[in-house]
Structures are given as C-alpha cells and as structure tokens.
C-alpha cells in the first residue's frame, strides 16, 4: 500500500512516522488471515497499534462493505479498511481490501 500523494506535505521525519499507515493495514490483514472476522476486535487492535507512533493521530478506522460502504460488524467476504491518520498537520487517508481466508473445501 503506497502512501497518499499528500505525503509531499510531510517533513522527512513525518514521512517516517507515516509508515504507520501501511503497517495498520498489514496488522488488520494478518488478523483476518488468522481468522479474526469481528470488525470491533480488528479496529481495537489498529487503535492500539497506532499509539506506537507518537507523531500519528488515528482519526478513524472503519471496516466497510466494498460496494455500499456500510460498516460491517463481521467480515464474511471481502471488505475495505478505511483509515484516516493525521501526521503533523497533514491528514492521510487510505483504503485497502481485507480478504478473509477461504474456508477449506469439504472433505468428501
């Protein structure tokens, strides 16, 4: 996941801090791949992980249906993670897919 084009507004130190944005998505995707499908638990982990970067202020993290943008409580199929993180005076917004691991085929 690339940083927003707004990263041109960031100082070199802020650019380093902005690396938290793709890390938050990676955390969410890893949780989904390991079977966590409750949006609340994923968002809670994102909120906690965001505090590791003192220059970052998480404005929101939402998990939504990719078609309707309706917030999801539980992931069933692909969803979108929407993030807004403020670094200094710059607000970085991003979105990325969250794809649950396909269940194994039934044993016949």
PDB file of N, CA and C in Angstrom:
ATOM      1  N   UNK A   1       0.853  -1.156   0.000  1.00  0.00           N
ATOM      2  CA  UNK A   1       0.000   0.000   0.000  1.00  0.00           C
ATOM      3  C   UNK A   1       0.903   1.224   0.000  1.00  0.00           C
ATOM      4  N   UNK A   2       0.728   2.096  -0.950  1.00  0.00           N
ATOM      5  CA  UNK A   2       1.527   3.308  -1.051  1.00  0.00           C
ATOM      6  C   UNK A   2       0.929   4.398  -0.172  1.00  0.00           C
ATOM      7  N   UNK A   3       1.793   5.299   0.233  1.00  0.00           N
ATOM      8  CA  UNK A   3       1.304   6.445   0.981  1.00  0.00           C
ATOM      9  C   UNK A   3       0.537   7.364   0.056  1.00  0.00           C
ATOM     10  N   UNK A   4      -0.347   8.132   0.613  1.00  0.00           N
ATOM     11  CA  UNK A   4      -1.130   9.105  -0.127  1.00  0.00           C
ATOM     12  C   UNK A   4      -0.218  10.111  -0.808  1.00  0.00           C
ATOM     13  N   UNK A   5      -0.706  10.717  -1.887  1.00  0.00           N
ATOM     14  CA  UNK A   5       0.070  11.774  -2.547  1.00  0.00           C
ATOM     15  C   UNK A   5       0.282  12.959  -1.618  1.00  0.00           C
ATOM     16  N   UNK A   6      -0.480  13.018  -0.560  1.00  0.00           N
ATOM     17  CA  UNK A   6      -0.319  14.095   0.413  1.00  0.00           C
ATOM     18  C   UNK A   6       0.999  13.988   1.167  1.00  0.00           C
ATOM     19  N   UNK A   7       1.718  12.868   0.994  1.00  0.00           N
ATOM     20  CA  UNK A   7       2.978  12.747   1.723  1.00  0.00           C
ATOM     21  C   UNK A   7       3.986  13.804   1.284  1.00  0.00           C
ATOM     22  N   UNK A   8       3.738  14.487   0.166  1.00  0.00           N
ATOM     23  CA  UNK A   8       4.630  15.573  -0.246  1.00  0.00           C
ATOM     24  C   UNK A   8       4.564  16.742   0.739  1.00  0.00           C
ATOM     25  N   UNK A   9       3.527  16.803   1.545  1.00  0.00           N
ATOM     26  CA  UNK A   9       3.402  17.851   2.558  1.00  0.00           C
ATOM     27  C   UNK A   9       4.157  17.512   3.843  1.00  0.00           C
ATOM     28  N   UNK A  10       4.666  16.290   3.935  1.00  0.00           N
ATOM     29  CA  UNK A  10       5.309  15.831   5.161  1.00  0.00           C
ATOM     30  C   UNK A  10       6.800  16.136   5.165  1.00  0.00           C
ATOM     31  N   UNK A  11       7.307  16.448   6.340  1.00  0.00           N
ATOM     32  CA  UNK A  11       8.753  16.590   6.514  1.00  0.00           C
ATOM     33  C   UNK A  11       9.373  15.193   6.457  1.00  0.00           C
ATOM     34  N   UNK A  12      10.689  15.083   6.324  1.00  0.00           N
ATOM     35  CA  UNK A  12      11.312  13.747   6.336  1.00  0.00           C
ATOM     36  C   UNK A  12      10.970  12.944   7.594  1.00  0.00           C
ATOM     37  N   UNK A  13      10.937  13.595   8.743  1.00  0.00           N
ATOM     38  CA  UNK A  13      10.592  12.900   9.987  1.00  0.00           C
ATOM     39  C   UNK A  13       9.140  12.440   9.954  1.00  0.00           C
ATOM     40  N   UNK A  14       8.252  13.278   9.445  1.00  0.00           N
ATOM     41  CA  UNK A  14       6.836  12.915   9.348  1.00  0.00           C
ATOM     42  C   UNK A  14       6.634  11.779   8.338  1.00  0.00           C
ATOM     43  N   UNK A  15       7.425  11.766   7.280  1.00  0.00           N
ATOM     44  CA  UNK A  15       7.325  10.658   6.311  1.00  0.00           C
ATOM     45  C   UNK A  15       7.652   9.334   6.977  1.00  0.00           C
ATOM     46  N   UNK A  16       8.665   9.356   7.837  1.00  0.00           N
ATOM     47  CA  UNK A  16       8.991   8.131   8.579  1.00  0.00           C
ATOM     48  C   UNK A  16       7.813   7.718   9.464  1.00  0.00           C
ATOM     49  N   UNK A  17       7.202   8.678  10.128  1.00  0.00           N
ATOM     50  CA  UNK A  17       6.059   8.391  11.004  1.00  0.00           C
ATOM     51  C   UNK A  17       4.871   7.875  10.199  1.00  0.00           C
ATOM     52  N   UNK A  18       4.719   8.362   8.968  1.00  0.00           N
ATOM     53  CA  UNK A  18       3.587   7.965   8.123  1.00  0.00           C
ATOM     54  C   UNK A  18       3.649   6.503   7.713  1.00  0.00           C
ATOM     55  N   UNK A  19       4.765   5.866   7.928  1.00  0.00           N
ATOM     56  CA  UNK A  19       4.858   4.429   7.618  1.00  0.00           C
ATOM     57  C   UNK A  19       3.899   3.606   8.474  1.00  0.00           C
ATOM     58  N   UNK A  20       3.341   4.229   9.497  1.00  0.00           N
ATOM     59  CA  UNK A  20       2.366   3.531  10.339  1.00  0.00           C
ATOM     60  C   UNK A  20       1.121   3.166   9.536  1.00  0.00           C
ATOM     61  N   UNK A  21       0.774   3.950   8.519  1.00  0.00           N
ATOM     62  CA  UNK A  21      -0.461   3.711   7.774  1.00  0.00           C
ATOM     63  C   UNK A  21      -0.451   2.326   7.117  1.00  0.00           C
ATOM     64  N   UNK A  22       0.545   1.967   6.307  1.00  0.00           N
ATOM     65  CA  UNK A  22       0.533   0.606   5.741  1.00  0.00           C
ATOM     66  C   UNK A  22       0.701  -0.475   6.803  1.00  0.00           C
ATOM     67  N   UNK A  23       1.373  -0.155   7.895  1.00  0.00           N
ATOM     68  CA  UNK A  23       1.515  -1.153   8.971  1.00  0.00           C
ATOM     69  C   UNK A  23       0.169  -1.469   9.616  1.00  0.00           C
ATOM     70  N   UNK A  24      -0.683  -0.465   9.738  1.00  0.00           N
ATOM     71  CA  UNK A  24      -2.006  -0.704  10.315  1.00  0.00           C
ATOM     72  C   UNK A  24      -2.830  -1.614   9.410  1.00  0.00           C
ATOM     73  N   UNK A  25      -2.762  -1.371   8.107  1.00  0.00           N
ATOM     74  CA  UNK A  25      -3.470  -2.249   7.181  1.00  0.00           C
ATOM     75  C   UNK A  25      -2.905  -3.658   7.254  1.00  0.00           C
ATOM     76  N   UNK A  26      -1.584  -3.775   7.309  1.00  0.00           N
ATOM     77  CA  UNK A  26      -0.955  -5.098   7.381  1.00  0.00           C
ATOM     78  C   UNK A  26      -1.409  -5.839   8.640  1.00  0.00           C
ATOM     79  N   UNK A  27      -1.478  -5.143   9.749  1.00  0.00           N
ATOM     80  CA  UNK A  27      -1.961  -5.751  11.001  1.00  0.00           C
ATOM     81  C   UNK A  27      -3.375  -6.281  10.814  1.00  0.00           C
ATOM     82  N   UNK A  28      -4.242  -5.455  10.235  1.00  0.00           N
ATOM     83  CA  UNK A  28      -5.635  -5.869  10.028  1.00  0.00           C
ATOM     84  C   UNK A  28      -5.704  -7.086   9.116  1.00  0.00           C
ATOM     85  N   UNK A  29      -4.959  -7.066   8.020  1.00  0.00           N
ATOM     86  CA  UNK A  29      -4.995  -8.188   7.080  1.00  0.00           C
ATOM     87  C   UNK A  29      -4.479  -9.467   7.733  1.00  0.00           C
ATOM     88  N   UNK A  30      -3.416  -9.358   8.524  1.00  0.00           N
ATOM     89  CA  UNK A  30      -2.893 -10.540   9.213  1.00  0.00           C
ATOM     90  C   UNK A  30      -3.915 -11.108  10.187  1.00  0.00           C
ATOM     91  N   UNK A  31      -4.620 -10.231  10.893  1.00  0.00           N
ATOM     92  CA  UNK A  31      -5.646 -10.703  11.821  1.00  0.00           C
ATOM     93  C   UNK A  31      -6.743 -11.447  11.064  1.00  0.00           C
ATOM     94  N   UNK A  32      -7.169 -10.905   9.933  1.00  0.00           N
ATOM     95  CA  UNK A  32      -8.220 -11.543   9.121  1.00  0.00           C
ATOM     96  C   UNK A  32      -7.721 -12.886   8.589  1.00  0.00           C
ATOM     97  N   UNK A  33      -6.483 -12.915   8.110  1.00  0.00           N
ATOM     98  CA  UNK A  33      -5.918 -14.170   7.591  1.00  0.00           C
ATOM     99  C   UNK A  33      -5.816 -15.239   8.666  1.00  0.00           C
ATOM    100  N   UNK A  34      -5.677 -14.812   9.921  1.00  0.00           N
ATOM    101  CA  UNK A  34      -5.600 -15.765  11.026  1.00  0.00           C
ATOM    102  C   UNK A  34      -6.967 -16.053  11.646  1.00  0.00           C
ATOM    103  N   UNK A  35      -8.020 -15.596  10.971  1.00  0.00           N
ATOM    104  CA  UNK A  35      -9.358 -15.999  11.377  1.00  0.00           C
ATOM    105  C   UNK A  35     -10.170 -14.983  12.154  1.00  0.00           C
ATOM    106  N   UNK A  36      -9.616 -13.814  12.461  1.00  0.00           N
ATOM    107  CA  UNK A  36     -10.401 -12.807  13.183  1.00  0.00           C
ATOM    108  C   UNK A  36     -11.317 -12.097  12.191  1.00  0.00           C
ATOM    109  N   UNK A  37     -12.609 -12.212  12.405  1.00  0.00           N
ATOM    110  CA  UNK A  37     -13.583 -11.628  11.481  1.00  0.00           C
ATOM    111  C   UNK A  37     -14.459 -10.565  12.136  1.00  0.00           C
ATOM    112  N   UNK A  38     -14.274 -10.307  13.429  1.00  0.00           N
ATOM    113  CA  UNK A  38     -15.061  -9.288  14.121  1.00  0.00           C
ATOM    114  C   UNK A  38     -14.403  -7.927  13.922  1.00  0.00           C
ATOM    115  N   UNK A  39     -15.102  -7.029  13.261  1.00  0.00           N
ATOM    116  CA  UNK A  39     -14.561  -5.703  12.966  1.00  0.00           C
ATOM    117  C   UNK A  39     -14.118  -4.972  14.224  1.00  0.00           C
ATOM    118  N   UNK A  40     -14.898  -5.071  15.276  1.00  0.00           N
ATOM    119  CA  UNK A  40     -14.566  -4.372  16.512  1.00  0.00           C
ATOM    120  C   UNK A  40     -13.208  -4.764  17.068  1.00  0.00           C
ATOM    121  N   UNK A  41     -12.884  -6.041  17.021  1.00  0.00           N
ATOM    122  CA  UNK A  41     -11.590  -6.510  17.536  1.00  0.00           C
ATOM    123  C   UNK A  41     -10.449  -6.041  16.640  1.00  0.00           C
ATOM    124  N   UNK A  42     -10.678  -6.037  15.340  1.00  0.00           N
ATOM    125  CA  UNK A  42      -9.650  -5.586  14.400  1.00  0.00           C
ATOM    126  C   UNK A  42      -9.399  -4.093  14.590  1.00  0.00           C
ATOM    127  N   UNK A  43     -10.459  -3.320  14.694  1.00  0.00           N
ATOM    128  CA  UNK A  43     -10.326  -1.870  14.869  1.00  0.00           C
ATOM    129  C   UNK A  43      -9.667  -1.554  16.208  1.00  0.00           C
ATOM    130  N   UNK A  44     -10.004  -2.293  17.226  1.00  0.00           N
ATOM    131  CA  UNK A  44      -9.378  -2.093  18.537  1.00  0.00           C
ATOM    132  C   UNK A  44      -7.862  -2.318  18.442  1.00  0.00           C
ATOM    133  N   UNK A  45      -7.450  -3.349  17.725  1.00  0.00           N
ATOM    134  CA  UNK A  45      -6.022  -3.622  17.547  1.00  0.00           C
ATOM    135  C   UNK A  45      -5.343  -2.512  16.745  1.00  0.00           C
ATOM    136  N   UNK A  46      -6.033  -1.995  15.736  1.00  0.00           N
ATOM    137  CA  UNK A  46      -5.496  -0.885  14.940  1.00  0.00           C
ATOM    138  C   UNK A  46      -5.312   0.343  15.830  1.00  0.00           C
ATOM    139  N   UNK A  47      -6.322   0.646  16.647  1.00  0.00           N
ATOM    140  CA  UNK A  47      -6.239   1.807  17.537  1.00  0.00           C
ATOM    141  C   UNK A  47      -5.057   1.677  18.493  1.00  0.00           C
ATOM    142  N   UNK A  48      -4.881   0.495  19.026  1.00  0.00           N
ATOM    143  CA  UNK A  48      -3.770   0.260  19.956  1.00  0.00           C
ATOM    144  C   UNK A  48      -2.434   0.370  19.225  1.00  0.00           C
ATOM    145  N   UNK A  49      -2.325  -0.225  18.045  1.00  0.00           N
ATOM    146  CA  UNK A  49      -1.070  -0.193  17.279  1.00  0.00           C
ATOM    147  C   UNK A  49      -0.718   1.225  16.846  1.00  0.00           C
ATOM    148  N   UNK A  50      -1.713   2.040  16.564  1.00  0.00           N
ATOM    149  CA  UNK A  50      -1.460   3.415  16.125  1.00  0.00           C
ATOM    150  C   UNK A  50      -0.772   4.227  17.219  1.00  0.00           C
ATOM    151  N   UNK A  51      -0.992   3.878  18.471  1.00  0.00           N
ATOM    152  CA  UNK A  51      -0.366   4.620  19.569  1.00  0.00           C
ATOM    153  C   UNK A  51       1.137   4.398  19.617  1.00  0.00           C
ATOM    154  N   UNK A  52       1.646   3.387  18.902  1.00  0.00           N
ATOM    155  CA  UNK A  52       3.086   3.124  18.873  1.00  0.00           C
ATOM    156  C   UNK A  52       3.841   4.230  18.140  1.00  0.00           C
ATOM    157  N   UNK A  53       3.136   5.013  17.336  1.00  0.00           N
ATOM    158  CA  UNK A  53       3.759   6.116  16.604  1.00  0.00           C
ATOM    159  C   UNK A  53       3.269   7.428  17.220  1.00  0.00           C
ATOM    160  N   UNK A  54       4.091   8.050  18.070  1.00  0.00           N
ATOM    161  CA  UNK A  54       3.632   9.250  18.769  1.00  0.00           C
ATOM    162  C   UNK A  54       3.300  10.431  17.861  1.00  0.00           C
ATOM    163  N   UNK A  55       3.830  10.467  16.649  1.00  0.00           N
ATOM    164  CA  UNK A  55       3.526  11.575  15.735  1.00  0.00           C
ATOM    165  C   UNK A  55       2.215  11.360  14.993  1.00  0.00           C
ATOM    166  N   UNK A  56       1.636  10.172  15.133  1.00  0.00           N
ATOM    167  CA  UNK A  56       0.409   9.836  14.407  1.00  0.00           C
ATOM    168  C   UNK A  56      -0.802   9.960  15.319  1.00  0.00           C
ATOM    169  N   UNK A  57      -1.866  10.468  14.729  1.00  0.00           N
ATOM    170  CA  UNK A  57      -3.144  10.538  15.428  1.00  0.00           C
ATOM    171  C   UNK A  57      -4.189   9.866  14.546  1.00  0.00           C
ATOM    172  N   UNK A  58      -4.664   8.710  14.974  1.00  0.00           N
ATOM    173  CA  UNK A  58      -5.672   7.985  14.210  1.00  0.00           C
ATOM    174  C   UNK A  58      -7.000   8.717  14.333  1.00  0.00           C
ATOM    175  N   UNK A  59      -7.525   9.195  13.207  1.00  0.00           N
ATOM    176  CA  UNK A  59      -8.818   9.879  13.217  1.00  0.00           C
ATOM    177  C   UNK A  59      -9.952   8.880  13.103  1.00  0.00           C
ATOM    178  N   UNK A  60      -9.800   7.891  12.231  1.00  0.00           N
ATOM    179  CA  UNK A  60     -10.791   6.829  12.171  1.00  0.00           C
ATOM    180  C   UNK A  60     -10.226   5.600  11.484  1.00  0.00           C
ATOM    181  N   UNK A  61     -10.795   4.470  11.825  1.00  0.00           N
ATOM    182  CA  UNK A  61     -10.555   3.193  11.168  1.00  0.00           C
ATOM    183  C   UNK A  61     -11.926   2.539  11.065  1.00  0.00           C
ATOM    184  N   UNK A  62     -12.341   2.261   9.850  1.00  0.00           N
ATOM    185  CA  UNK A  62     -13.646   1.635   9.602  1.00  0.00           C
ATOM    186  C   UNK A  62     -13.467   0.428   8.699  1.00  0.00           C
ATOM    187  N   UNK A  63     -14.262  -0.581   8.929  1.00  0.00           N
ATOM    188  CA  UNK A  63     -14.305  -1.742   8.038  1.00  0.00           C
ATOM    189  C   UNK A  63     -15.690  -1.750   7.428  1.00  0.00           C
ATOM    190  N   UNK A  64     -15.726  -1.661   6.092  1.00  0.00           N
ATOM    191  CA  UNK A  64     -16.989  -1.465   5.391  1.00  0.00           C
ATOM    192  C   UNK A  64     -17.156  -2.450   4.248  1.00  0.00           C
ATOM    193  N   UNK A  65     -18.413  -2.568   3.812  1.00  0.00           N
ATOM    194  CA  UNK A  65     -18.732  -3.327   2.612  1.00  0.00           C
ATOM    195  C   UNK A  65     -18.134  -2.567   1.423  1.00  0.00           C
ATOM    196  N   UNK A  66     -17.408  -3.248   0.524  1.00  0.00           N
ATOM    197  CA  UNK A  66     -16.758  -2.532  -0.581  1.00  0.00           C
ATOM    198  C   UNK A  66     -17.721  -1.919  -1.585  1.00  0.00           C
ATOM    199  N   UNK A  67     -18.941  -2.414  -1.657  1.00  0.00           N
ATOM    200  CA  UNK A  67     -19.926  -1.893  -2.607  1.00  0.00           C
ATOM    201  C   UNK A  67     -20.742  -0.737  -2.027  1.00  0.00           C
ATOM    202  N   UNK A  68     -21.219  -0.900  -0.800  1.00  0.00           N
ATOM    203  CA  UNK A  68     -22.144   0.071  -0.218  1.00  0.00           C
ATOM    204  C   UNK A  68     -21.484   1.018   0.786  1.00  0.00           C
ATOM    205  N   UNK A  69     -20.271   0.677   1.228  1.00  0.00           N
ATOM    206  CA  UNK A  69     -19.545   1.413   2.267  1.00  0.00           C
ATOM    207  C   UNK A  69     -20.264   1.395   3.612  1.00  0.00           C
ATOM    208  N   UNK A  70     -21.170   0.446   3.781  1.00  0.00           N
ATOM    209  CA  UNK A  70     -21.860   0.249   5.049  1.00  0.00           C
ATOM    210  C   UNK A  70     -20.902  -0.419   6.039  1.00  0.00           C
ATOM    211  N   UNK A  71     -20.769   0.125   7.246  1.00  0.00           N
ATOM    212  CA  UNK A  71     -19.895  -0.515   8.237  1.00  0.00           C
ATOM    213  C   UNK A  71     -20.321  -1.965   8.498  1.00  0.00           C
ATOM    214  N   UNK A  72     -19.333  -2.820   8.644  1.00  0.00           N
ATOM    215  CA  UNK A  72     -19.571  -4.244   8.889  1.00  0.00           C
ATOM    216  C   UNK A  72     -19.192  -4.598  10.320  1.00  0.00           C
ATOM    217  N   UNK A  73     -20.019  -5.409  10.949  1.00  0.00           N
ATOM    218  CA  UNK A  73     -19.690  -5.930  12.282  1.00  0.00           C
ATOM    219  C   UNK A  73     -18.834  -7.181  12.162  1.00  0.00           C
ATOM    220  N   UNK A  74     -19.105  -7.972  11.108  1.00  0.00           N
ATOM    221  CA  UNK A  74     -18.392  -9.223  10.884  1.00  0.00           C
ATOM    222  C   UNK A  74     -18.048  -9.322   9.400  1.00  0.00           C
ATOM    223  N   UNK A  75     -16.837  -9.732   9.105  1.00  0.00           N
ATOM    224  CA  UNK A  75     -16.423  -9.926   7.719  1.00  0.00           C
ATOM    225  C   UNK A  75     -16.880 -11.298   7.259  1.00  0.00           C
ATOM    226  N   UNK A  76     -17.550 -11.342   6.135  1.00  0.00           N
ATOM    227  CA  UNK A  76     -17.953 -12.611   5.533  1.00  0.00           C
ATOM    228  C   UNK A  76     -17.188 -12.795   4.232  1.00  0.00           C
ATOM    229  N   UNK A  77     -17.221 -11.771   3.408  1.00  0.00           N
ATOM    230  CA  UNK A  77     -16.469 -11.745   2.160  1.00  0.00           C
ATOM    231  C   UNK A  77     -15.483 -10.588   2.250  1.00  0.00           C
ATOM    232  N   UNK A  78     -14.958 -10.205   1.106  1.00  0.00           N
ATOM    233  CA  UNK A  78     -14.029  -9.083   1.073  1.00  0.00           C
ATOM    234  C   UNK A  78     -14.677  -7.826   1.645  1.00  0.00           C
ATOM    235  N   UNK A  79     -13.873  -7.070   2.377  1.00  0.00           N
ATOM    236  CA  UNK A  79     -14.296  -5.797   2.956  1.00  0.00           C
ATOM    237  C   UNK A  79     -13.231  -4.766   2.612  1.00  0.00           C
ATOM    238  N   UNK A  80     -13.487  -3.506   2.988  1.00  0.00           N
ATOM    239  CA  UNK A  80     -12.499  -2.443   2.805  1.00  0.00           C
ATOM    240  C   UNK A  80     -12.192  -1.848   4.170  1.00  0.00           C
ATOM    241  N   UNK A  81     -10.916  -1.620   4.405  1.00  0.00           N
ATOM    242  CA  UNK A  81     -10.477  -0.915   5.598  1.00  0.00           C
ATOM    243  C   UNK A  81     -10.251   0.532   5.197  1.00  0.00           C
ATOM    244  N   UNK A  82     -10.940   1.445   5.857  1.00  0.00           N
ATOM    245  CA  UNK A  82     -10.786   2.874   5.614  1.00  0.00           C
ATOM    246  C   UNK A  82     -10.039   3.479   6.793  1.00  0.00           C
ATOM    247  N   UNK A  83      -8.970   4.215   6.500  1.00  0.00           N
ATOM    248  CA  UNK A  83      -8.151   4.812   7.547  1.00  0.00           C
ATOM    249  C   UNK A  83      -7.952   6.295   7.296  1.00  0.00           C
ATOM    250  N   UNK A  84      -7.936   7.069   8.351  1.00  0.00           N
ATOM    251  CA  UNK A  84      -7.511   8.465   8.310  1.00  0.00           C
ATOM    252  C   UNK A  84      -6.566   8.662   9.489  1.00  0.00           C
ATOM    253  N   UNK A  85      -5.358   9.094   9.165  1.00  0.00           N
ATOM    254  CA  UNK A  85      -4.324   9.282  10.176  1.00  0.00           C
ATOM    255  C   UNK A  85      -3.725  10.667   9.974  1.00  0.00           C
ATOM    256  N   UNK A  86      -3.649  11.410  11.032  1.00  0.00           N
ATOM    257  CA  UNK A  86      -3.057  12.738  10.948  1.00  0.00           C
ATOM    258  C   UNK A  86      -1.610  12.659  11.431  1.00  0.00           C
ATOM    259  N   UNK A  87      -0.714  13.158  10.583  1.00  0.00           N
ATOM    260  CA  UNK A  87       0.706  13.243  10.905  1.00  0.00           C
ATOM    261  C   UNK A  87       1.053  14.725  10.830  1.00  0.00           C
ATOM    262  N   UNK A  88       1.364  15.313  11.942  1.00  0.00           N
ATOM    263  CA  UNK A  88       1.573  16.757  11.947  1.00  0.00           C
ATOM    264  C   UNK A  88       0.280  17.444  11.543  1.00  0.00           C
ATOM    265  N   UNK A  89       0.355  18.297  10.526  1.00  0.00           N
ATOM    266  CA  UNK A  89      -0.831  18.996  10.035  1.00  0.00           C
ATOM    267  C   UNK A  89      -1.466  18.300   8.840  1.00  0.00           C
ATOM    268  N   UNK A  90      -0.863  17.193   8.408  1.00  0.00           N
ATOM    269  CA  UNK A  90      -1.320  16.510   7.208  1.00  0.00           C
ATOM    270  C   UNK A  90      -2.207  15.321   7.559  1.00  0.00           C
ATOM    271  N   UNK A  91      -3.345  15.260   6.907  1.00  0.00           N
ATOM    272  CA  UNK A  91      -4.283  14.159   7.103  1.00  0.00           C
ATOM    273  C   UNK A  91      -4.103  13.177   5.952  1.00  0.00           C
ATOM    274  N   UNK A  92      -3.681  11.966   6.279  1.00  0.00           N
ATOM    275  CA  UNK A  92      -3.511  10.907   5.291  1.00  0.00           C
ATOM    276  C   UNK A  92      -4.738  10.007   5.335  1.00  0.00           C
ATOM    277  N   UNK A  93      -5.328   9.786   4.181  1.00  0.00           N
ATOM    278  CA  UNK A  93      -6.475   8.881   4.103  1.00  0.00           C
ATOM    279  C   UNK A  93      -6.114   7.759   3.149  1.00  0.00           C
ATOM    280  N   UNK A  94      -6.576   6.572   3.468  1.00  0.00           N
ATOM    281  CA  UNK A  94      -6.270   5.422   2.630  1.00  0.00           C
ATOM    282  C   UNK A  94      -7.352   4.375   2.807  1.00  0.00           C
ATOM    283  N   UNK A  95      -7.409   3.480   1.856  1.00  0.00           N
ATOM    284  CA  UNK A  95      -8.310   2.335   1.982  1.00  0.00           C
ATOM    285  C   UNK A  95      -7.638   1.157   1.321  1.00  0.00           C
ATOM    286  N   UNK A  96      -7.972  -0.021   1.794  1.00  0.00           N
ATOM    287  CA  UNK A  96      -7.362  -1.244   1.279  1.00  0.00           C
ATOM    288  C   UNK A  96      -8.308  -2.410   1.518  1.00  0.00           C
ATOM    289  N   UNK A  97      -8.165  -3.450   0.709  1.00  0.00           N
ATOM    290  CA  UNK A  97      -9.035  -4.619   0.894  1.00  0.00           C
ATOM    291  C   UNK A  97      -8.634  -5.431   2.120  1.00  0.00           C
ATOM    292  N   UNK A  98      -9.619  -6.051   2.714  1.00  0.00           N
ATOM    293  CA  UNK A  98      -9.416  -7.074   3.740  1.00  0.00           C
ATOM    294  C   UNK A  98     -10.127  -8.308   3.225  1.00  0.00           C
ATOM    295  N   UNK A  99      -9.383  -9.369   3.043  1.00  0.00           N
ATOM    296  CA  UNK A  99      -9.950 -10.567   2.428  1.00  0.00           C
ATOM    297  C   UNK A  99      -9.828 -11.742   3.384  1.00  0.00           C
ATOM    298  N   UNK A 100     -10.970 -12.225   3.889  1.00  0.00           N
ATOM    299  CA  UNK A 100     -10.919 -13.412   4.758  1.00  0.00           C
ATOM    300  C   UNK A 100     -10.358 -14.611   4.008  1.00  0.00           C
ATOM    301  N   UNK A 101      -9.675 -15.433   4.742  1.00  0.00           N
ATOM    302  CA  UNK A 101      -9.138 -16.667   4.179  1.00  0.00           C
ATOM    303  C   UNK A 101     -10.309 -17.571   3.789  1.00  0.00           C
ATOM    304  N   UNK A 102     -10.235 -18.130   2.605  1.00  0.00           N
ATOM    305  CA  UNK A 102     -11.306 -19.032   2.145  1.00  0.00           C
ATOM    306  C   UNK A 102     -11.308 -20.287   3.015  1.00  0.00           C
ATOM    307  N   UNK A 103     -12.492 -20.752   3.394  1.00  0.00           N
ATOM    308  CA  UNK A 103     -12.539 -21.981   4.174  1.00  0.00           C
ATOM    309  C   UNK A 103     -12.067 -23.155   3.319  1.00  0.00           C
ATOM    310  N   UNK A 104     -11.474 -24.153   3.942  1.00  0.00           N
ATOM    311  CA  UNK A 104     -11.030 -25.310   3.163  1.00  0.00           C
ATOM    312  C   UNK A 104     -12.227 -26.031   2.546  1.00  0.00           C
ATOM    313  N   UNK A 105     -12.025 -26.654   1.402  1.00  0.00           N
ATOM    314  CA  UNK A 105     -13.150 -27.383   0.794  1.00  0.00           C
ATOM    315  C   UNK A 105     -13.567 -28.545   1.690  1.00  0.00           C
ATOM    316  N   UNK A 106     -14.848 -28.892   1.653  1.00  0.00           N
ATOM    317  CA  UNK A 106     -15.315 -30.007   2.498  1.00  0.00           C
ATOM    318  C   UNK A 106     -14.640 -31.321   2.091  1.00  0.00           C
ATOM    319  N   UNK A 107     -14.372 -32.121   3.081  1.00  0.00           N
ATOM    320  CA  UNK A 107     -13.785 -33.435   2.841  1.00  0.00           C
ATOM    321  C   UNK A 107     -14.914 -34.388   2.477  1.00  0.00           C
ATOM    322  N   UNK A 108     -14.760 -35.074   1.382  1.00  0.00           N
ATOM    323  CA  UNK A 108     -15.807 -35.977   0.918  1.00  0.00           C
ATOM    324  C   UNK A 108     -15.405 -37.402   1.164  1.00  0.00           C
TER     325      UNK A 108
END
